Amino acid sequence: MRFATLTHFVRKQHFLLLFLFCSCLYSATSIWYVEHGILPEGDEPHYLLLSQTILKYHSLDIMLDYNHKDYLQFFPIILSPHVATTVSGEILSTHGIGGPLLWLIPFALFGRLGAVLFVTLLSILTIANMARR
């Protein structure tokens, strides 16, 4: 094996070890974040609420969840609805449904932890893809 090839191999192995370590650390931090009672911040509860509405009511009518206060199981503070009313009087969420649909299965299986770990996995894969190039 030539020296240049050996050096490349060693660098690649170091990168893989570092990547594995950082991935484990990031995943452990995500689990700790959810399991130690840190409340969702910003728009996170509203996105989780969208997933919950789809699962529980098989609907995109977000007001069903707000009115029944189903979100109290993962967010114990009363939420003000993030909704907008259309000209025809229809009430719509101000948040898109792309993310809630993507993590719907992990959310259904593991709740908030499933959604957080799914987003963590996507982040790790994005970093790996960028580093590969």
N, C-alpha and C. Protein backbone atom coordinates (compact mmCIF):
# COMPACT_ATOMS: atom_id res chain seq x y z
N MET A 1 0.85 -1.17 0.00
CA MET A 1 0.00 0.00 0.00
C MET A 1 0.90 1.24 0.00
N ARG A 2 0.59 2.16 -0.86
CA ARG A 2 1.38 3.39 -0.92
C ARG A 2 1.11 4.26 0.30
N PHE A 3 2.04 5.15 0.59
CA PHE A 3 1.94 6.02 1.76
C PHE A 3 0.72 6.94 1.67
N ALA A 4 0.47 7.50 0.47
CA ALA A 4 -0.67 8.42 0.31
C ALA A 4 -1.98 7.68 0.55
N THR A 5 -2.08 6.46 0.08
CA THR A 5 -3.29 5.67 0.28
C THR A 5 -3.46 5.32 1.75
N LEU A 6 -2.36 4.98 2.41
CA LEU A 6 -2.41 4.65 3.84
C LEU A 6 -2.83 5.87 4.67
N THR A 7 -2.31 7.03 4.34
CA THR A 7 -2.67 8.25 5.05
C THR A 7 -4.16 8.56 4.87
N HIS A 8 -4.66 8.39 3.66
CA HIS A 8 -6.08 8.61 3.38
C HIS A 8 -6.93 7.62 4.19
N PHE A 9 -6.50 6.37 4.26
CA PHE A 9 -7.23 5.35 5.02
C PHE A 9 -7.29 5.71 6.51
N VAL A 10 -6.17 6.15 7.06
CA VAL A 10 -6.12 6.52 8.48
C VAL A 10 -7.01 7.73 8.74
N ARG A 11 -6.98 8.73 7.85
CA ARG A 11 -7.84 9.91 8.02
C ARG A 11 -9.32 9.52 7.97
N LYS A 12 -9.64 8.61 7.06
CA LYS A 12 -11.02 8.17 6.93
C LYS A 12 -11.47 7.44 8.20
N GLN A 13 -10.60 6.61 8.76
CA GLN A 13 -10.93 5.89 9.99
C GLN A 13 -11.11 6.86 11.16
N HIS A 14 -10.25 7.88 11.24
CA HIS A 14 -10.40 8.88 12.30
C HIS A 14 -11.72 9.64 12.15
N PHE A 15 -12.05 9.98 10.92
CA PHE A 15 -13.30 10.68 10.68
C PHE A 15 -14.48 9.82 11.11
N LEU A 16 -14.46 8.53 10.74
CA LEU A 16 -15.57 7.65 11.09
C LEU A 16 -15.71 7.50 12.61
N LEU A 17 -14.60 7.39 13.31
CA LEU A 17 -14.65 7.30 14.77
C LEU A 17 -15.20 8.59 15.39
N LEU A 18 -14.71 9.71 14.90
CA LEU A 18 -15.20 11.00 15.40
C LEU A 18 -16.69 11.17 15.10
N PHE A 19 -17.10 10.78 13.90
CA PHE A 19 -18.49 10.88 13.50
C PHE A 19 -19.36 9.99 14.38
N LEU A 20 -18.92 8.77 14.65
CA LEU A 20 -19.66 7.85 15.51
C LEU A 20 -19.79 8.42 16.93
N PHE A 21 -18.69 8.94 17.46
CA PHE A 21 -18.72 9.53 18.79
C PHE A 21 -19.68 10.71 18.86
N CYS A 22 -19.60 11.61 17.89
CA CYS A 22 -20.47 12.79 17.88
C CYS A 22 -21.94 12.40 17.70
N SER A 23 -22.20 11.39 16.88
CA SER A 23 -23.57 10.93 16.69
C SER A 23 -24.15 10.37 17.98
N CYS A 24 -23.35 9.57 18.69
CA CYS A 24 -23.81 9.02 19.97
C CYS A 24 -24.04 10.13 20.99
N LEU A 25 -23.14 11.09 21.03
CA LEU A 25 -23.28 12.21 21.96
C LEU A 25 -24.53 13.04 21.64
N TYR A 26 -24.76 13.30 20.36
CA TYR A 26 -25.92 14.08 19.94
C TYR A 26 -27.21 13.34 20.26
N SER A 27 -27.23 12.04 20.02
CA SER A 27 -28.43 11.24 20.32
C SER A 27 -28.69 11.18 21.82
N ALA A 28 -27.63 10.99 22.60
CA ALA A 28 -27.79 10.94 24.06
C ALA A 28 -28.31 12.28 24.59
N THR A 29 -27.81 13.37 24.03
CA THR A 29 -28.28 14.70 24.44
C THR A 29 -29.75 14.88 24.09
N SER A 30 -30.16 14.38 22.93
CA SER A 30 -31.57 14.49 22.52
C SER A 30 -32.47 13.70 23.47
N ILE A 31 -32.03 12.50 23.84
CA ILE A 31 -32.82 11.69 24.77
C ILE A 31 -32.90 12.38 26.12
N TRP A 32 -31.80 12.92 26.61
CA TRP A 32 -31.79 13.61 27.89
C TRP A 32 -32.73 14.82 27.85
N TYR A 33 -32.71 15.54 26.73
CA TYR A 33 -33.56 16.72 26.54
C TYR A 33 -35.03 16.39 26.75
N VAL A 34 -35.46 15.26 26.22
CA VAL A 34 -36.87 14.89 26.31
C VAL A 34 -37.19 14.24 27.66
N GLU A 35 -36.32 13.36 28.12
CA GLU A 35 -36.62 12.58 29.33
C GLU A 35 -36.50 13.37 30.63
N HIS A 36 -35.80 14.48 30.63
CA HIS A 36 -35.62 15.24 31.87
C HIS A 36 -36.58 16.42 31.99
N GLY A 37 -37.69 16.32 31.31
CA GLY A 37 -38.77 17.28 31.52
C GLY A 37 -38.53 18.67 30.98
N ILE A 38 -37.63 18.81 30.03
CA ILE A 38 -37.45 20.12 29.42
C ILE A 38 -38.61 20.34 28.45
N LEU A 39 -39.37 21.38 28.70
CA LEU A 39 -40.55 21.64 27.89
C LEU A 39 -40.17 22.04 26.47
N PRO A 40 -41.01 21.68 25.51
CA PRO A 40 -40.79 22.15 24.15
C PRO A 40 -40.84 23.67 24.11
N GLU A 41 -40.03 24.27 23.27
CA GLU A 41 -39.99 25.73 23.17
C GLU A 41 -40.38 26.17 21.77
N GLY A 42 -40.73 27.43 21.66
CA GLY A 42 -41.02 28.01 20.35
C GLY A 42 -42.19 27.34 19.67
N ASP A 43 -41.98 26.88 18.45
CA ASP A 43 -43.04 26.26 17.68
C ASP A 43 -43.10 24.75 17.85
N GLU A 44 -42.15 24.16 18.59
CA GLU A 44 -42.13 22.70 18.74
C GLU A 44 -43.46 22.13 19.24
N PRO A 45 -44.09 22.68 20.28
CA PRO A 45 -45.35 22.08 20.73
C PRO A 45 -46.45 22.15 19.66
N HIS A 46 -46.43 23.18 18.85
CA HIS A 46 -47.46 23.32 17.82
C HIS A 46 -47.25 22.32 16.70
N TYR A 47 -45.99 22.02 16.36
CA TYR A 47 -45.72 20.99 15.36
C TYR A 47 -46.07 19.61 15.90
N LEU A 48 -45.75 19.35 17.17
CA LEU A 48 -46.13 18.08 17.78
C LEU A 48 -47.65 17.95 17.85
N LEU A 49 -48.31 19.06 18.09
CA LEU A 49 -49.77 19.08 18.14
C LEU A 49 -50.38 18.71 16.79
N LEU A 50 -49.74 19.16 15.71
CA LEU A 50 -50.21 18.78 14.37
C LEU A 50 -50.12 17.27 14.18
N SER A 51 -49.00 16.67 14.59
CA SER A 51 -48.85 15.22 14.48
C SER A 51 -49.91 14.51 15.32
N GLN A 52 -50.13 15.01 16.51
CA GLN A 52 -51.12 14.40 17.40
C GLN A 52 -52.52 14.50 16.83
N THR A 53 -52.85 15.62 16.22
CA THR A 53 -54.17 15.80 15.61
C THR A 53 -54.37 14.81 14.46
N ILE A 54 -53.34 14.64 13.65
CA ILE A 54 -53.43 13.69 12.53
C ILE A 54 -53.65 12.28 13.07
N LEU A 55 -52.89 11.91 14.11
CA LEU A 55 -53.01 10.57 14.68
C LEU A 55 -54.34 10.33 15.38
N LYS A 56 -54.73 11.26 16.22
CA LYS A 56 -55.91 11.06 17.06
C LYS A 56 -57.22 11.28 16.33
N TYR A 57 -57.28 12.34 15.53
CA TYR A 57 -58.54 12.71 14.90
C TYR A 57 -58.57 12.41 13.39
N HIS A 58 -57.45 11.96 12.84
CA HIS A 58 -57.36 11.70 11.39
C HIS A 58 -57.82 12.91 10.59
N SER A 59 -57.38 14.07 11.04
CA SER A 59 -57.82 15.33 10.47
C SER A 59 -56.69 16.35 10.54
N LEU A 60 -56.79 17.38 9.76
CA LEU A 60 -55.87 18.51 9.83
C LEU A 60 -56.50 19.68 10.58
N ASP A 61 -57.69 19.47 11.14
CA ASP A 61 -58.37 20.51 11.91
C ASP A 61 -57.70 20.63 13.28
N ILE A 62 -56.72 21.48 13.36
CA ILE A 62 -55.88 21.63 14.54
C ILE A 62 -56.67 22.10 15.76
N MET A 63 -57.79 22.75 15.55
CA MET A 63 -58.59 23.26 16.66
C MET A 63 -59.20 22.13 17.50
N LEU A 64 -59.36 20.95 16.92
CA LEU A 64 -59.84 19.80 17.71
C LEU A 64 -58.90 19.54 18.87
N ASP A 65 -57.61 19.56 18.59
CA ASP A 65 -56.61 19.31 19.62
C ASP A 65 -56.51 20.47 20.61
N TYR A 66 -56.54 21.69 20.09
CA TYR A 66 -56.50 22.86 20.99
C TYR A 66 -57.71 22.88 21.92
N ASN A 67 -58.91 22.61 21.39
CA ASN A 67 -60.13 22.66 22.19
C ASN A 67 -60.19 21.57 23.25
N HIS A 68 -59.73 20.37 22.91
CA HIS A 68 -59.75 19.26 23.86
C HIS A 68 -58.53 19.24 24.77
N LYS A 69 -57.58 20.15 24.51
CA LYS A 69 -56.34 20.26 25.30
C LYS A 69 -55.58 18.93 25.37
N ASP A 70 -55.56 18.19 24.26
CA ASP A 70 -54.84 16.93 24.20
C ASP A 70 -53.33 17.12 24.31
N TYR A 71 -52.86 18.30 24.01
CA TYR A 71 -51.42 18.58 24.05
C TYR A 71 -50.87 18.60 25.47
N LEU A 72 -51.74 18.61 26.48
CA LEU A 72 -51.27 18.68 27.88
C LEU A 72 -50.41 17.47 28.26
N GLN A 73 -50.49 16.38 27.51
CA GLN A 73 -49.66 15.22 27.83
C GLN A 73 -48.18 15.44 27.53
N PHE A 74 -47.84 16.35 26.62
CA PHE A 74 -46.43 16.65 26.38
C PHE A 74 -46.08 18.12 26.63
N PHE A 75 -47.08 18.95 26.88
CA PHE A 75 -46.84 20.35 27.16
C PHE A 75 -47.86 20.82 28.19
N PRO A 76 -47.49 20.84 29.48
CA PRO A 76 -48.47 21.07 30.55
C PRO A 76 -48.90 22.52 30.77
N ILE A 77 -48.70 23.37 29.82
CA ILE A 77 -49.09 24.78 29.92
C ILE A 77 -50.10 25.05 28.81
N ILE A 78 -51.11 25.86 29.11
CA ILE A 78 -52.13 26.17 28.11
C ILE A 78 -51.48 26.90 26.93
N LEU A 79 -51.73 26.39 25.73
CA LEU A 79 -51.18 26.98 24.50
C LEU A 79 -52.20 27.89 23.85
N SER A 80 -51.74 28.98 23.33
CA SER A 80 -52.62 29.81 22.50
C SER A 80 -52.52 29.27 21.07
N PRO A 81 -53.64 29.08 20.42
CA PRO A 81 -53.63 28.49 19.08
C PRO A 81 -52.82 29.32 18.08
N HIS A 82 -52.02 28.63 17.30
CA HIS A 82 -51.31 29.25 16.18
C HIS A 82 -52.12 28.95 14.92
N VAL A 83 -53.14 29.73 14.72
CA VAL A 83 -54.04 29.50 13.59
C VAL A 83 -54.32 30.82 12.87
N ALA A 84 -54.80 30.67 11.67
CA ALA A 84 -55.23 31.82 10.87
C ALA A 84 -56.59 31.47 10.26
N THR A 85 -57.40 32.47 10.07
CA THR A 85 -58.73 32.27 9.49
C THR A 85 -58.71 32.76 8.04
N THR A 86 -59.20 31.91 7.15
CA THR A 86 -59.25 32.29 5.74
C THR A 86 -60.44 33.20 5.49
N VAL A 87 -60.54 33.71 4.30
CA VAL A 87 -61.64 34.60 3.92
C VAL A 87 -62.98 33.86 4.04
N SER A 88 -62.96 32.56 3.75
CA SER A 88 -64.21 31.78 3.83
C SER A 88 -64.51 31.31 5.25
N GLY A 89 -63.69 31.69 6.23
CA GLY A 89 -63.95 31.35 7.62
C GLY A 89 -63.31 30.05 8.08
N GLU A 90 -62.56 29.42 7.22
CA GLU A 90 -61.90 28.16 7.59
C GLU A 90 -60.68 28.46 8.48
N ILE A 91 -60.53 27.70 9.54
CA ILE A 91 -59.40 27.90 10.45
C ILE A 91 -58.28 26.93 10.07
N LEU A 92 -57.09 27.49 9.81
CA LEU A 92 -55.94 26.69 9.40
C LEU A 92 -54.76 26.95 10.33
N SER A 93 -53.93 25.96 10.46
CA SER A 93 -52.71 26.12 11.25
C SER A 93 -51.74 27.04 10.51
N THR A 94 -50.98 27.81 11.27
CA THR A 94 -49.98 28.68 10.62
C THR A 94 -48.69 27.92 10.35
N HIS A 95 -48.62 26.66 10.77
CA HIS A 95 -47.43 25.84 10.56
C HIS A 95 -47.70 24.80 9.48
N GLY A 96 -46.66 24.49 8.71
CA GLY A 96 -46.79 23.50 7.65
C GLY A 96 -46.90 22.09 8.21
N ILE A 97 -47.41 21.18 7.40
CA ILE A 97 -47.59 19.81 7.87
C ILE A 97 -46.48 18.88 7.40
N GLY A 98 -45.49 19.40 6.69
CA GLY A 98 -44.41 18.55 6.17
C GLY A 98 -43.66 17.81 7.27
N GLY A 99 -43.17 18.53 8.26
CA GLY A 99 -42.43 17.91 9.36
C GLY A 99 -43.30 16.94 10.15
N PRO A 100 -44.49 17.38 10.59
CA PRO A 100 -45.36 16.45 11.33
C PRO A 100 -45.70 15.18 10.56
N LEU A 101 -45.79 15.26 9.24
CA LEU A 101 -46.04 14.04 8.47
C LEU A 101 -44.78 13.17 8.41
N LEU A 102 -43.60 13.80 8.31
CA LEU A 102 -42.36 13.03 8.26
C LEU A 102 -42.12 12.22 9.54
N TRP A 103 -42.33 12.85 10.69
CA TRP A 103 -42.05 12.14 11.94
C TRP A 103 -43.32 11.54 12.55
N LEU A 104 -44.35 11.34 11.74
CA LEU A 104 -45.62 10.81 12.25
C LEU A 104 -45.46 9.41 12.84
N ILE A 105 -44.77 8.52 12.16
CA ILE A 105 -44.62 7.14 12.65
C ILE A 105 -43.77 7.11 13.92
N PRO A 106 -42.59 7.77 13.95
CA PRO A 106 -41.85 7.78 15.23
C PRO A 106 -42.65 8.43 16.36
N PHE A 107 -43.42 9.47 16.06
CA PHE A 107 -44.25 10.11 17.07
C PHE A 107 -45.33 9.16 17.57
N ALA A 108 -45.93 8.40 16.65
CA ALA A 108 -46.97 7.45 17.04
C ALA A 108 -46.40 6.35 17.94
N LEU A 109 -45.16 5.93 17.66
CA LEU A 109 -44.55 4.84 18.43
C LEU A 109 -43.97 5.30 19.77
N PHE A 110 -43.30 6.45 19.78
CA PHE A 110 -42.55 6.86 20.97
C PHE A 110 -42.90 8.25 21.49
N GLY A 111 -43.90 8.88 20.93
CA GLY A 111 -44.30 10.21 21.39
C GLY A 111 -43.26 11.27 21.01
N ARG A 112 -43.12 12.23 21.89
CA ARG A 112 -42.19 13.35 21.62
C ARG A 112 -40.76 12.85 21.42
N LEU A 113 -40.35 11.84 22.20
CA LEU A 113 -39.00 11.30 22.06
C LEU A 113 -38.77 10.76 20.64
N GLY A 114 -39.76 10.10 20.07
CA GLY A 114 -39.64 9.60 18.70
C GLY A 114 -39.44 10.70 17.69
N ALA A 115 -40.19 11.80 17.85
CA ALA A 115 -40.05 12.93 16.93
C ALA A 115 -38.68 13.57 17.06
N VAL A 116 -38.21 13.75 18.31
CA VAL A 116 -36.90 14.38 18.53
C VAL A 116 -35.79 13.48 17.99
N LEU A 117 -35.85 12.18 18.22
CA LEU A 117 -34.82 11.27 17.71
C LEU A 117 -34.84 11.19 16.19
N PHE A 118 -36.03 11.29 15.59
CA PHE A 118 -36.12 11.29 14.14
C PHE A 118 -35.43 12.52 13.55
N VAL A 119 -35.69 13.68 14.14
CA VAL A 119 -35.03 14.91 13.68
C VAL A 119 -33.53 14.83 13.93
N THR A 120 -33.12 14.21 15.04
CA THR A 120 -31.70 14.01 15.33
C THR A 120 -31.06 13.15 14.26
N LEU A 121 -31.71 12.06 13.89
CA LEU A 121 -31.18 11.17 12.85
C LEU A 121 -31.05 11.91 11.52
N LEU A 122 -32.06 12.70 11.17
CA LEU A 122 -31.97 13.47 9.92
C LEU A 122 -30.81 14.46 9.97
N SER A 123 -30.58 15.08 11.12
CA SER A 123 -29.47 16.02 11.26
C SER A 123 -28.13 15.31 11.09
N ILE A 124 -27.99 14.15 11.71
CA ILE A 124 -26.75 13.38 11.60
C ILE A 124 -26.50 12.96 10.16
N LEU A 125 -27.55 12.49 9.48
CA LEU A 125 -27.40 12.08 8.09
C LEU A 125 -27.06 13.26 7.18
N THR A 126 -27.61 14.42 7.47
CA THR A 126 -27.29 15.62 6.70
C THR A 126 -25.82 16.00 6.86
N ILE A 127 -25.33 15.94 8.10
CA ILE A 127 -23.91 16.25 8.36
C ILE A 127 -23.01 15.23 7.67
N ALA A 128 -23.39 13.96 7.74
CA ALA A 128 -22.59 12.91 7.08
C ALA A 128 -22.57 13.14 5.57
N ASN A 129 -23.68 13.52 5.01
CA ASN A 129 -23.74 13.77 3.57
C ASN A 129 -22.86 14.96 3.17
N MET A 130 -22.88 16.01 3.99
CA MET A 130 -22.04 17.18 3.69
C MET A 130 -20.56 16.86 3.86
N ALA A 131 -20.21 16.07 4.86
CA ALA A 131 -18.82 15.74 5.11
C ALA A 131 -18.28 14.78 4.06
N ARG A 132 -19.13 14.00 3.49
CA ARG A 132 -18.72 13.02 2.47
C ARG A 132 -18.25 13.69 1.18
N ARG A 133 -18.75 14.86 0.94
CA ARG A 133 -18.41 15.53 -0.33
C ARG A 133 -17.16 16.30 -0.25
